Amino acid sequence: MQADDPKLSEEAIQLPTSSIEQPPSLSERLLIPTLLAGVTGGGVGLLSKRRKAHPNIPATYATNSAIVAACYCGVRELVKVTRKSQDDDLMNSAIGGLFSGALLGRLQGGPRGAFRYSIAFATFGTAFDYASLRSKPLLEKVRNMDSITLPVWFPIQILDEEALAKKKAEEQKLFPRLNKEES
């Protein structure tokens, strides 16, 4: 190889003139589609620099979650009405999970999918209902506690009528000009 070889000269080596397309940034890929799905429910293609069609992934996830929840809850309520049972009967959740899982699994993955989905829906649905039934008394206990008080330094205070009247009197002493403008 010689230094004067025309194949190796800088003029012979040229970079392609077409610009290399950069991948979209994190905000373009995640933040903007998420905000758009929450605000408008519209497509992402309007804000994208590229002209390709973008699937609206957050809206797709939300729609799929809503379909699954509606199917499971609907079948569970249907089983409850049919069996004439109480709200806290876990058998409703198990049967509702089996039927809704079989229905959605059949649509998604055929007969094998129906079996897998039915077991998964029955297991997770019953576990979720069991956990919510067990935590309900605890949440009621916390909600009805009167011992929860805010610290004195906390900027938001709950005042009774006497404390509110005292505060207004102090404000009138501190800001007499402001009180004249209000009246």
N, C-alpha and C. Protein backbone atom coordinates (compact mmCIF):
# COMPACT_ATOMS: atom_id res chain seq x y z
N MET A 1 0.84 -1.18 0.00
CA MET A 1 0.00 0.00 0.00
C MET A 1 0.87 1.23 0.00
N GLN A 2 0.51 2.16 -0.82
CA GLN A 2 1.26 3.38 -0.90
C GLN A 2 0.43 4.52 -0.35
N ALA A 3 1.09 5.56 0.12
CA ALA A 3 0.39 6.72 0.68
C ALA A 3 -0.29 7.50 -0.43
N ASP A 4 0.18 7.37 -1.66
CA ASP A 4 -0.41 8.11 -2.77
C ASP A 4 -1.53 7.35 -3.44
N ASP A 5 -1.94 6.25 -2.88
CA ASP A 5 -2.99 5.43 -3.46
C ASP A 5 -4.30 6.22 -3.48
N PRO A 6 -4.96 6.38 -4.64
CA PRO A 6 -6.18 7.19 -4.70
C PRO A 6 -7.33 6.56 -3.94
N LYS A 7 -7.29 5.28 -3.71
CA LYS A 7 -8.38 4.63 -2.98
C LYS A 7 -8.37 5.01 -1.51
N LEU A 8 -7.23 5.37 -0.96
CA LEU A 8 -7.11 5.68 0.46
C LEU A 8 -7.09 7.18 0.75
N SER A 9 -7.12 7.99 -0.22
CA SER A 9 -7.08 9.43 0.03
C SER A 9 -8.38 9.88 0.69
N GLU A 10 -8.32 10.99 1.40
CA GLU A 10 -9.48 11.50 2.13
C GLU A 10 -10.60 11.90 1.18
N GLU A 11 -10.25 12.33 0.01
CA GLU A 11 -11.26 12.73 -0.95
C GLU A 11 -12.04 11.53 -1.46
N ALA A 12 -11.37 10.39 -1.55
CA ALA A 12 -12.03 9.19 -2.06
C ALA A 12 -12.99 8.60 -1.03
N ILE A 13 -12.66 8.80 0.26
CA ILE A 13 -13.54 8.28 1.31
C ILE A 13 -14.54 9.38 1.65
N GLN A 14 -15.77 9.12 1.33
CA GLN A 14 -16.81 10.10 1.60
C GLN A 14 -17.90 9.45 2.44
N LEU A 15 -18.38 10.20 3.38
CA LEU A 15 -19.49 9.73 4.19
C LEU A 15 -20.77 9.89 3.40
N PRO A 16 -21.75 9.05 3.64
CA PRO A 16 -23.02 9.21 2.93
C PRO A 16 -23.64 10.56 3.27
N THR A 17 -24.22 11.17 2.26
CA THR A 17 -24.80 12.50 2.45
C THR A 17 -26.17 12.45 3.10
N SER A 18 -26.85 11.32 3.06
CA SER A 18 -28.16 11.24 3.70
C SER A 18 -27.98 11.20 5.21
N SER A 19 -28.83 11.92 5.91
CA SER A 19 -28.71 11.98 7.36
C SER A 19 -29.20 10.68 7.98
N ILE A 20 -28.53 10.28 9.01
CA ILE A 20 -28.91 9.07 9.73
C ILE A 20 -30.00 9.45 10.72
N GLU A 21 -31.10 8.72 10.66
CA GLU A 21 -32.24 9.04 11.51
C GLU A 21 -31.97 8.58 12.93
N GLN A 22 -32.07 9.52 13.87
CA GLN A 22 -31.86 9.22 15.28
C GLN A 22 -33.11 8.57 15.86
N PRO A 23 -32.94 7.64 16.79
CA PRO A 23 -34.12 7.06 17.43
C PRO A 23 -34.83 8.12 18.27
N PRO A 24 -36.12 7.97 18.46
CA PRO A 24 -36.84 8.97 19.25
C PRO A 24 -36.35 8.98 20.69
N SER A 25 -36.41 10.15 21.30
CA SER A 25 -35.95 10.29 22.68
C SER A 25 -36.92 9.60 23.64
N LEU A 26 -36.50 9.51 24.88
CA LEU A 26 -37.32 8.86 25.89
C LEU A 26 -38.64 9.59 26.08
N SER A 27 -38.60 10.90 26.08
CA SER A 27 -39.85 11.65 26.25
C SER A 27 -40.77 11.47 25.06
N GLU A 28 -40.21 11.35 23.88
CA GLU A 28 -41.05 11.15 22.70
C GLU A 28 -41.66 9.75 22.70
N ARG A 29 -40.93 8.77 23.21
CA ARG A 29 -41.43 7.40 23.21
C ARG A 29 -42.39 7.11 24.36
N LEU A 30 -42.18 7.71 25.53
CA LEU A 30 -42.97 7.33 26.70
C LEU A 30 -43.86 8.44 27.23
N LEU A 31 -43.28 9.58 27.50
CA LEU A 31 -44.01 10.64 28.17
C LEU A 31 -45.12 11.21 27.30
N ILE A 32 -44.81 11.57 26.09
CA ILE A 32 -45.81 12.18 25.20
C ILE A 32 -46.96 11.22 24.89
N PRO A 33 -46.69 9.94 24.53
CA PRO A 33 -47.83 9.04 24.28
C PRO A 33 -48.69 8.81 25.53
N THR A 34 -48.05 8.76 26.69
CA THR A 34 -48.81 8.55 27.91
C THR A 34 -49.71 9.74 28.19
N LEU A 35 -49.18 10.93 28.04
CA LEU A 35 -49.99 12.13 28.26
C LEU A 35 -51.11 12.24 27.24
N LEU A 36 -50.80 11.94 25.99
CA LEU A 36 -51.83 12.01 24.96
C LEU A 36 -52.92 10.98 25.19
N ALA A 37 -52.55 9.80 25.64
CA ALA A 37 -53.55 8.77 25.90
C ALA A 37 -54.46 9.20 27.03
N GLY A 38 -53.90 9.88 28.02
CA GLY A 38 -54.71 10.31 29.14
C GLY A 38 -55.56 11.53 28.82
N VAL A 39 -55.07 12.43 27.99
CA VAL A 39 -55.77 13.67 27.73
C VAL A 39 -56.75 13.55 26.57
N THR A 40 -56.26 13.05 25.45
CA THR A 40 -57.11 13.05 24.26
C THR A 40 -57.55 11.68 23.82
N GLY A 41 -56.78 10.68 24.14
CA GLY A 41 -57.08 9.35 23.64
C GLY A 41 -56.74 9.23 22.16
N GLY A 42 -56.09 10.24 21.61
CA GLY A 42 -55.77 10.26 20.19
C GLY A 42 -54.44 9.61 19.90
N GLY A 43 -54.04 9.67 18.64
CA GLY A 43 -52.81 9.04 18.20
C GLY A 43 -51.60 9.86 18.55
N VAL A 44 -50.45 9.23 18.46
CA VAL A 44 -49.19 9.86 18.78
C VAL A 44 -48.57 10.47 17.54
N GLY A 45 -49.01 10.07 16.39
CA GLY A 45 -48.39 10.49 15.14
C GLY A 45 -48.37 11.99 14.93
N LEU A 46 -49.19 12.75 15.61
CA LEU A 46 -49.23 14.19 15.41
C LEU A 46 -47.98 14.87 15.94
N LEU A 47 -47.43 14.38 17.05
CA LEU A 47 -46.27 15.02 17.63
C LEU A 47 -44.95 14.38 17.20
N SER A 48 -45.01 13.30 16.50
CA SER A 48 -43.81 12.60 16.11
C SER A 48 -43.16 13.27 14.91
N LYS A 49 -41.84 13.23 14.88
CA LYS A 49 -41.12 13.82 13.75
C LYS A 49 -41.17 12.90 12.53
N ARG A 50 -41.29 11.61 12.80
CA ARG A 50 -41.35 10.66 11.70
C ARG A 50 -42.77 10.57 11.17
N ARG A 51 -42.90 10.11 9.96
CA ARG A 51 -44.20 10.04 9.32
C ARG A 51 -44.86 8.67 9.47
N LYS A 52 -44.20 7.74 10.14
CA LYS A 52 -44.75 6.41 10.28
C LYS A 52 -45.90 6.44 11.28
N ALA A 53 -46.81 5.52 11.12
CA ALA A 53 -47.93 5.43 12.06
C ALA A 53 -47.46 4.76 13.34
N HIS A 54 -47.81 5.36 14.48
CA HIS A 54 -47.42 4.82 15.78
C HIS A 54 -48.65 4.23 16.45
N PRO A 55 -48.52 3.04 17.00
CA PRO A 55 -49.64 2.53 17.79
C PRO A 55 -49.70 3.30 19.11
N ASN A 56 -50.88 3.51 19.58
CA ASN A 56 -51.04 4.23 20.83
C ASN A 56 -51.01 3.19 21.96
N ILE A 57 -49.83 2.85 22.40
CA ILE A 57 -49.62 1.74 23.33
C ILE A 57 -50.31 1.98 24.68
N PRO A 58 -50.19 3.14 25.32
CA PRO A 58 -50.89 3.32 26.60
C PRO A 58 -52.41 3.16 26.47
N ALA A 59 -52.97 3.66 25.38
CA ALA A 59 -54.41 3.51 25.18
C ALA A 59 -54.78 2.05 24.94
N THR A 60 -53.90 1.32 24.27
CA THR A 60 -54.15 -0.10 24.05
C THR A 60 -54.12 -0.86 25.36
N TYR A 61 -53.13 -0.57 26.22
CA TYR A 61 -53.08 -1.23 27.53
C TYR A 61 -54.30 -0.89 28.36
N ALA A 62 -54.70 0.36 28.36
CA ALA A 62 -55.87 0.77 29.13
C ALA A 62 -57.13 0.08 28.62
N THR A 63 -57.27 0.00 27.32
CA THR A 63 -58.44 -0.66 26.75
C THR A 63 -58.47 -2.14 27.08
N ASN A 64 -57.32 -2.81 26.96
CA ASN A 64 -57.26 -4.23 27.29
C ASN A 64 -57.56 -4.47 28.76
N SER A 65 -57.02 -3.62 29.64
CA SER A 65 -57.30 -3.77 31.07
C SER A 65 -58.77 -3.57 31.37
N ALA A 66 -59.39 -2.60 30.71
CA ALA A 66 -60.82 -2.35 30.91
C ALA A 66 -61.66 -3.53 30.42
N ILE A 67 -61.29 -4.11 29.30
CA ILE A 67 -62.03 -5.26 28.78
C ILE A 67 -61.91 -6.45 29.73
N VAL A 68 -60.70 -6.72 30.21
CA VAL A 68 -60.49 -7.84 31.13
C VAL A 68 -61.26 -7.61 32.43
N ALA A 69 -61.16 -6.41 33.00
CA ALA A 69 -61.86 -6.13 34.26
C ALA A 69 -63.37 -6.19 34.08
N ALA A 70 -63.88 -5.65 32.99
CA ALA A 70 -65.32 -5.69 32.75
C ALA A 70 -65.81 -7.12 32.57
N CYS A 71 -65.05 -7.92 31.85
CA CYS A 71 -65.45 -9.31 31.63
C CYS A 71 -65.44 -10.07 32.95
N TYR A 72 -64.38 -9.95 33.73
CA TYR A 72 -64.28 -10.66 35.00
C TYR A 72 -65.37 -10.21 35.97
N CYS A 73 -65.51 -8.91 36.15
CA CYS A 73 -66.51 -8.40 37.11
C CYS A 73 -67.93 -8.72 36.65
N GLY A 74 -68.17 -8.64 35.35
CA GLY A 74 -69.50 -8.96 34.85
C GLY A 74 -69.87 -10.42 35.07
N VAL A 75 -68.93 -11.31 34.78
CA VAL A 75 -69.22 -12.73 34.98
C VAL A 75 -69.34 -13.04 36.47
N ARG A 76 -68.51 -12.41 37.29
CA ARG A 76 -68.61 -12.64 38.74
C ARG A 76 -69.96 -12.19 39.28
N GLU A 77 -70.46 -11.04 38.82
CA GLU A 77 -71.78 -10.56 39.26
C GLU A 77 -72.89 -11.46 38.72
N LEU A 78 -72.74 -11.95 37.51
CA LEU A 78 -73.73 -12.87 36.94
C LEU A 78 -73.79 -14.16 37.77
N VAL A 79 -72.63 -14.66 38.17
CA VAL A 79 -72.59 -15.86 39.01
C VAL A 79 -73.23 -15.57 40.36
N LYS A 80 -72.97 -14.39 40.92
CA LYS A 80 -73.55 -14.04 42.22
C LYS A 80 -75.07 -14.00 42.15
N VAL A 81 -75.61 -13.41 41.08
CA VAL A 81 -77.07 -13.33 40.92
C VAL A 81 -77.65 -14.71 40.67
N THR A 82 -76.98 -15.49 39.85
CA THR A 82 -77.47 -16.83 39.52
C THR A 82 -77.46 -17.74 40.75
N ARG A 83 -76.40 -17.68 41.53
CA ARG A 83 -76.30 -18.52 42.72
C ARG A 83 -77.06 -17.94 43.91
N LYS A 84 -77.51 -16.68 43.80
CA LYS A 84 -78.20 -15.99 44.90
C LYS A 84 -77.36 -16.02 46.17
N SER A 85 -76.10 -15.62 46.03
CA SER A 85 -75.17 -15.65 47.16
C SER A 85 -74.82 -14.23 47.60
N GLN A 86 -74.02 -14.15 48.64
CA GLN A 86 -73.61 -12.87 49.22
C GLN A 86 -72.43 -12.27 48.45
N ASP A 87 -72.15 -11.00 48.73
CA ASP A 87 -71.02 -10.33 48.08
C ASP A 87 -69.68 -10.93 48.48
N ASP A 88 -69.57 -11.41 49.71
CA ASP A 88 -68.29 -11.88 50.20
C ASP A 88 -68.04 -13.37 49.96
N ASP A 89 -68.81 -14.00 49.09
CA ASP A 89 -68.62 -15.41 48.77
C ASP A 89 -67.50 -15.54 47.74
N LEU A 90 -66.41 -16.19 48.12
CA LEU A 90 -65.26 -16.32 47.22
C LEU A 90 -65.50 -17.31 46.09
N MET A 91 -66.51 -18.14 46.22
CA MET A 91 -66.82 -19.08 45.14
C MET A 91 -67.28 -18.32 43.89
N ASN A 92 -67.93 -17.16 44.09
CA ASN A 92 -68.32 -16.32 42.95
C ASN A 92 -67.08 -15.89 42.16
N SER A 93 -66.03 -15.52 42.89
CA SER A 93 -64.80 -15.08 42.23
C SER A 93 -64.14 -16.22 41.47
N ALA A 94 -64.12 -17.40 42.08
CA ALA A 94 -63.49 -18.54 41.41
C ALA A 94 -64.25 -18.94 40.15
N ILE A 95 -65.56 -19.03 40.25
CA ILE A 95 -66.36 -19.41 39.07
C ILE A 95 -66.31 -18.32 38.01
N GLY A 96 -66.42 -17.07 38.45
CA GLY A 96 -66.32 -15.95 37.50
C GLY A 96 -64.98 -15.91 36.80
N GLY A 97 -63.90 -16.19 37.55
CA GLY A 97 -62.57 -16.24 36.95
C GLY A 97 -62.42 -17.37 35.95
N LEU A 98 -63.00 -18.52 36.28
CA LEU A 98 -62.92 -19.65 35.35
C LEU A 98 -63.63 -19.34 34.04
N PHE A 99 -64.84 -18.81 34.13
CA PHE A 99 -65.61 -18.55 32.90
C PHE A 99 -65.04 -17.38 32.09
N SER A 100 -64.70 -16.27 32.76
CA SER A 100 -64.17 -15.13 32.01
C SER A 100 -62.79 -15.45 31.44
N GLY A 101 -61.97 -16.19 32.19
CA GLY A 101 -60.67 -16.59 31.67
C GLY A 101 -60.79 -17.53 30.49
N ALA A 102 -61.76 -18.45 30.56
CA ALA A 102 -61.96 -19.36 29.44
C ALA A 102 -62.41 -18.60 28.19
N LEU A 103 -63.29 -17.64 28.38
CA LEU A 103 -63.78 -16.85 27.24
C LEU A 103 -62.66 -16.04 26.61
N LEU A 104 -61.95 -15.26 27.42
CA LEU A 104 -60.88 -14.42 26.88
C LEU A 104 -59.70 -15.26 26.39
N GLY A 105 -59.40 -16.34 27.08
CA GLY A 105 -58.31 -17.22 26.65
C GLY A 105 -58.61 -17.91 25.34
N ARG A 106 -59.86 -18.29 25.12
CA ARG A 106 -60.27 -18.92 23.86
C ARG A 106 -60.10 -17.94 22.71
N LEU A 107 -60.43 -16.69 22.93
CA LEU A 107 -60.25 -15.69 21.89
C LEU A 107 -58.78 -15.42 21.62
N GLN A 108 -57.95 -15.49 22.63
CA GLN A 108 -56.55 -15.14 22.50
C GLN A 108 -55.69 -16.31 22.04
N GLY A 109 -55.89 -17.50 22.63
CA GLY A 109 -54.94 -18.57 22.36
C GLY A 109 -55.52 -19.94 22.09
N GLY A 110 -56.77 -20.02 21.71
CA GLY A 110 -57.34 -21.33 21.39
C GLY A 110 -57.69 -22.12 22.64
N PRO A 111 -57.90 -23.42 22.48
CA PRO A 111 -58.30 -24.26 23.62
C PRO A 111 -57.26 -24.30 24.74
N ARG A 112 -55.98 -24.36 24.39
CA ARG A 112 -54.94 -24.35 25.43
C ARG A 112 -54.93 -23.02 26.16
N GLY A 113 -55.13 -21.94 25.42
CA GLY A 113 -55.19 -20.62 26.04
C GLY A 113 -56.38 -20.49 26.96
N ALA A 114 -57.50 -21.11 26.58
CA ALA A 114 -58.69 -21.06 27.42
C ALA A 114 -58.43 -21.70 28.76
N PHE A 115 -57.75 -22.84 28.77
CA PHE A 115 -57.45 -23.52 30.03
C PHE A 115 -56.50 -22.69 30.88
N ARG A 116 -55.43 -22.19 30.26
CA ARG A 116 -54.44 -21.39 31.01
C ARG A 116 -55.07 -20.12 31.58
N TYR A 117 -55.80 -19.41 30.74
CA TYR A 117 -56.40 -18.15 31.20
C TYR A 117 -57.43 -18.40 32.29
N SER A 118 -58.21 -19.47 32.17
CA SER A 118 -59.24 -19.73 33.17
C SER A 118 -58.62 -20.01 34.53
N ILE A 119 -57.52 -20.77 34.56
CA ILE A 119 -56.84 -21.04 35.82
C ILE A 119 -56.23 -19.75 36.38
N ALA A 120 -55.61 -18.95 35.51
CA ALA A 120 -54.99 -17.70 35.97
C ALA A 120 -56.03 -16.72 36.48
N PHE A 121 -57.12 -16.54 35.76
CA PHE A 121 -58.16 -15.60 36.18
C PHE A 121 -58.80 -16.05 37.49
N ALA A 122 -59.06 -17.34 37.61
CA ALA A 122 -59.67 -17.84 38.85
C ALA A 122 -58.73 -17.65 40.03
N THR A 123 -57.44 -17.92 39.83
CA THR A 123 -56.47 -17.79 40.91
C THR A 123 -56.28 -16.33 41.32
N PHE A 124 -55.97 -15.48 40.35
CA PHE A 124 -55.68 -14.08 40.67
C PHE A 124 -56.94 -13.33 41.11
N GLY A 125 -58.05 -13.61 40.47
CA GLY A 125 -59.29 -12.93 40.86
C GLY A 125 -59.73 -13.30 42.26
N THR A 126 -59.65 -14.57 42.60
CA THR A 126 -60.02 -15.01 43.94
C THR A 126 -59.04 -14.47 44.97
N ALA A 127 -57.75 -14.47 44.65
CA ALA A 127 -56.75 -13.92 45.58
C ALA A 127 -56.98 -12.44 45.81
N PHE A 128 -57.29 -11.70 44.75
CA PHE A 128 -57.55 -10.27 44.90
C PHE A 128 -58.81 -10.03 45.75
N ASP A 129 -59.86 -10.79 45.50
CA ASP A 129 -61.08 -10.62 46.29
C ASP A 129 -60.86 -11.02 47.74
N TYR A 130 -60.08 -12.07 47.98
CA TYR A 130 -59.78 -12.49 49.35
C TYR A 130 -58.99 -11.39 50.07
N ALA A 131 -57.98 -10.84 49.39
CA ALA A 131 -57.18 -9.78 50.00
C ALA A 131 -58.03 -8.54 50.29
N SER A 132 -58.92 -8.20 49.38
CA SER A 132 -59.77 -7.02 49.62
C SER A 132 -60.75 -7.27 50.76
N LEU A 133 -61.26 -8.48 50.88
CA LEU A 133 -62.16 -8.79 52.00
C LEU A 133 -61.42 -8.77 53.34
N ARG A 134 -60.18 -9.26 53.35
CA ARG A 134 -59.40 -9.27 54.58
C ARG A 134 -58.96 -7.86 54.98
N SER A 135 -58.69 -6.99 54.02
CA SER A 135 -58.20 -5.65 54.34
C SER A 135 -59.34 -4.67 54.61
N LYS A 136 -60.57 -5.01 54.28
CA LYS A 136 -61.68 -4.10 54.47
C LYS A 136 -61.86 -3.67 55.94
N PRO A 137 -61.85 -4.59 56.92
CA PRO A 137 -61.98 -4.14 58.31
C PRO A 137 -60.82 -3.26 58.76
N LEU A 138 -59.62 -3.56 58.28
CA LEU A 138 -58.47 -2.74 58.64
C LEU A 138 -58.60 -1.33 58.09
N LEU A 139 -59.04 -1.21 56.85
CA LEU A 139 -59.23 0.11 56.25
C LEU A 139 -60.35 0.89 56.94
N GLU A 140 -61.42 0.20 57.32
CA GLU A 140 -62.50 0.86 58.06
C GLU A 140 -62.00 1.36 59.41
N LYS A 141 -61.17 0.57 60.07
CA LYS A 141 -60.63 0.95 61.37
C LYS A 141 -59.76 2.19 61.24
N VAL A 142 -58.92 2.24 60.21
CA VAL A 142 -58.04 3.40 60.01
C VAL A 142 -58.87 4.62 59.64
N ARG A 143 -59.90 4.44 58.83
CA ARG A 143 -60.71 5.58 58.41
C ARG A 143 -61.48 6.19 59.57
N ASN A 144 -61.89 5.40 60.53
CA ASN A 144 -62.68 5.89 61.65
C ASN A 144 -61.85 6.33 62.84
N MET A 145 -60.55 6.35 62.71
CA MET A 145 -59.69 6.76 63.83
C MET A 145 -59.78 8.26 64.03
N ASP A 146 -60.01 8.65 65.29
CA ASP A 146 -60.04 10.06 65.63
C ASP A 146 -58.69 10.53 66.16
N SER A 147 -57.78 9.60 66.38
CA SER A 147 -56.50 9.96 66.97
C SER A 147 -55.51 10.54 65.96
N ILE A 148 -55.86 10.53 64.70
CA ILE A 148 -54.96 11.09 63.70
C ILE A 148 -55.11 12.61 63.73
N THR A 149 -54.05 13.28 64.13
CA THR A 149 -54.06 14.74 64.15
C THR A 149 -52.85 15.25 63.39
N LEU A 150 -53.00 16.41 62.85
CA LEU A 150 -51.91 17.03 62.12
C LEU A 150 -50.99 17.74 63.11
N PRO A 151 -49.70 17.81 62.83
CA PRO A 151 -48.80 18.53 63.73
C PRO A 151 -49.10 20.03 63.72
N VAL A 152 -48.67 20.70 64.76
CA VAL A 152 -48.95 22.13 64.90
C VAL A 152 -48.31 22.93 63.77
N TRP A 153 -47.14 22.53 63.32
CA TRP A 153 -46.43 23.27 62.30
C TRP A 153 -46.97 23.01 60.90
N PHE A 154 -47.87 22.06 60.73
CA PHE A 154 -48.40 21.71 59.41
C PHE A 154 -49.21 22.89 58.86
N PRO A 155 -49.01 23.28 57.60
CA PRO A 155 -49.66 24.49 57.09
C PRO A 155 -51.18 24.37 56.95
N ILE A 156 -51.70 23.18 56.84
CA ILE A 156 -53.14 23.01 56.71
C ILE A 156 -53.67 22.56 58.06
N GLN A 157 -54.54 23.34 58.65
CA GLN A 157 -55.11 23.01 59.95
C GLN A 157 -56.63 22.95 59.84
N ILE A 158 -57.20 22.04 60.59
CA ILE A 158 -58.66 21.94 60.66
C ILE A 158 -59.10 22.68 61.91
N LEU A 159 -59.85 23.75 61.72
CA LEU A 159 -60.25 24.60 62.84
C LEU A 159 -61.72 24.41 63.15
N ASP A 160 -62.03 24.38 64.45
CA ASP A 160 -63.44 24.37 64.83
C ASP A 160 -63.94 25.82 64.83
N GLU A 161 -65.19 26.03 65.15
CA GLU A 161 -65.78 27.37 65.05
C GLU A 161 -65.11 28.37 65.98
N GLU A 162 -64.76 27.95 67.18
CA GLU A 162 -64.13 28.85 68.14
C GLU A 162 -62.74 29.27 67.66
N ALA A 163 -61.95 28.33 67.18
CA ALA A 163 -60.61 28.64 66.69
C ALA A 163 -60.69 29.49 65.43
N LEU A 164 -61.70 29.28 64.59
CA LEU A 164 -61.86 30.08 63.39
C LEU A 164 -62.20 31.52 63.73
N ALA A 165 -63.08 31.73 64.73
CA ALA A 165 -63.42 33.09 65.16
C ALA A 165 -62.20 33.78 65.75
N LYS A 166 -61.40 33.07 66.55
CA LYS A 166 -60.19 33.64 67.13
C LYS A 166 -59.20 34.03 66.04
N LYS A 167 -59.07 33.20 65.01
CA LYS A 167 -58.15 33.50 63.91
C LYS A 167 -58.60 34.74 63.15
N LYS A 168 -59.91 34.87 62.90
CA LYS A 168 -60.42 36.05 62.20
C LYS A 168 -60.18 37.32 63.01
N ALA A 169 -60.32 37.25 64.33
CA ALA A 169 -60.07 38.42 65.18
C ALA A 169 -58.60 38.82 65.12
N GLU A 170 -57.69 37.84 65.13
CA GLU A 170 -56.26 38.14 65.02
C GLU A 170 -55.94 38.76 63.67
N GLU A 171 -56.58 38.28 62.61
CA GLU A 171 -56.34 38.85 61.28
C GLU A 171 -56.83 40.28 61.20
N GLN A 172 -57.94 40.57 61.86
CA GLN A 172 -58.46 41.94 61.84
C GLN A 172 -57.51 42.89 62.56
N LYS A 173 -56.86 42.41 63.65
CA LYS A 173 -55.89 43.24 64.35
C LYS A 173 -54.65 43.46 63.51
N LEU A 174 -54.20 42.43 62.83
CA LEU A 174 -52.97 42.53 62.03
C LEU A 174 -53.16 43.30 60.73
N PHE A 175 -54.30 43.12 60.10
CA PHE A 175 -54.55 43.74 58.78
C PHE A 175 -55.82 44.59 58.82
N PRO A 176 -55.80 45.73 59.52
CA PRO A 176 -57.03 46.53 59.59
C PRO A 176 -57.40 47.14 58.24
N ARG A 177 -56.42 47.53 57.43
CA ARG A 177 -56.70 48.14 56.14
C ARG A 177 -57.36 47.14 55.19
N LEU A 178 -56.94 45.90 55.23
CA LEU A 178 -57.51 44.86 54.38
C LEU A 178 -58.98 44.62 54.72
N ASN A 179 -59.30 44.68 55.99
CA ASN A 179 -60.68 44.46 56.43
C ASN A 179 -61.59 45.61 55.98
N LYS A 180 -61.08 46.84 55.92
CA LYS A 180 -61.90 47.98 55.47
C LYS A 180 -62.20 47.86 53.98
N GLU A 181 -61.24 47.36 53.20
CA GLU A 181 -61.46 47.21 51.76
C GLU A 181 -62.50 46.14 51.46
N GLU A 182 -62.56 45.09 52.26
CA GLU A 182 -63.51 44.00 52.04
C GLU A 182 -64.93 44.47 52.30
N SER A 183 -65.14 45.33 53.28
CA SER A 183 -66.51 45.76 53.62
C SER A 183 -66.99 46.94 52.83
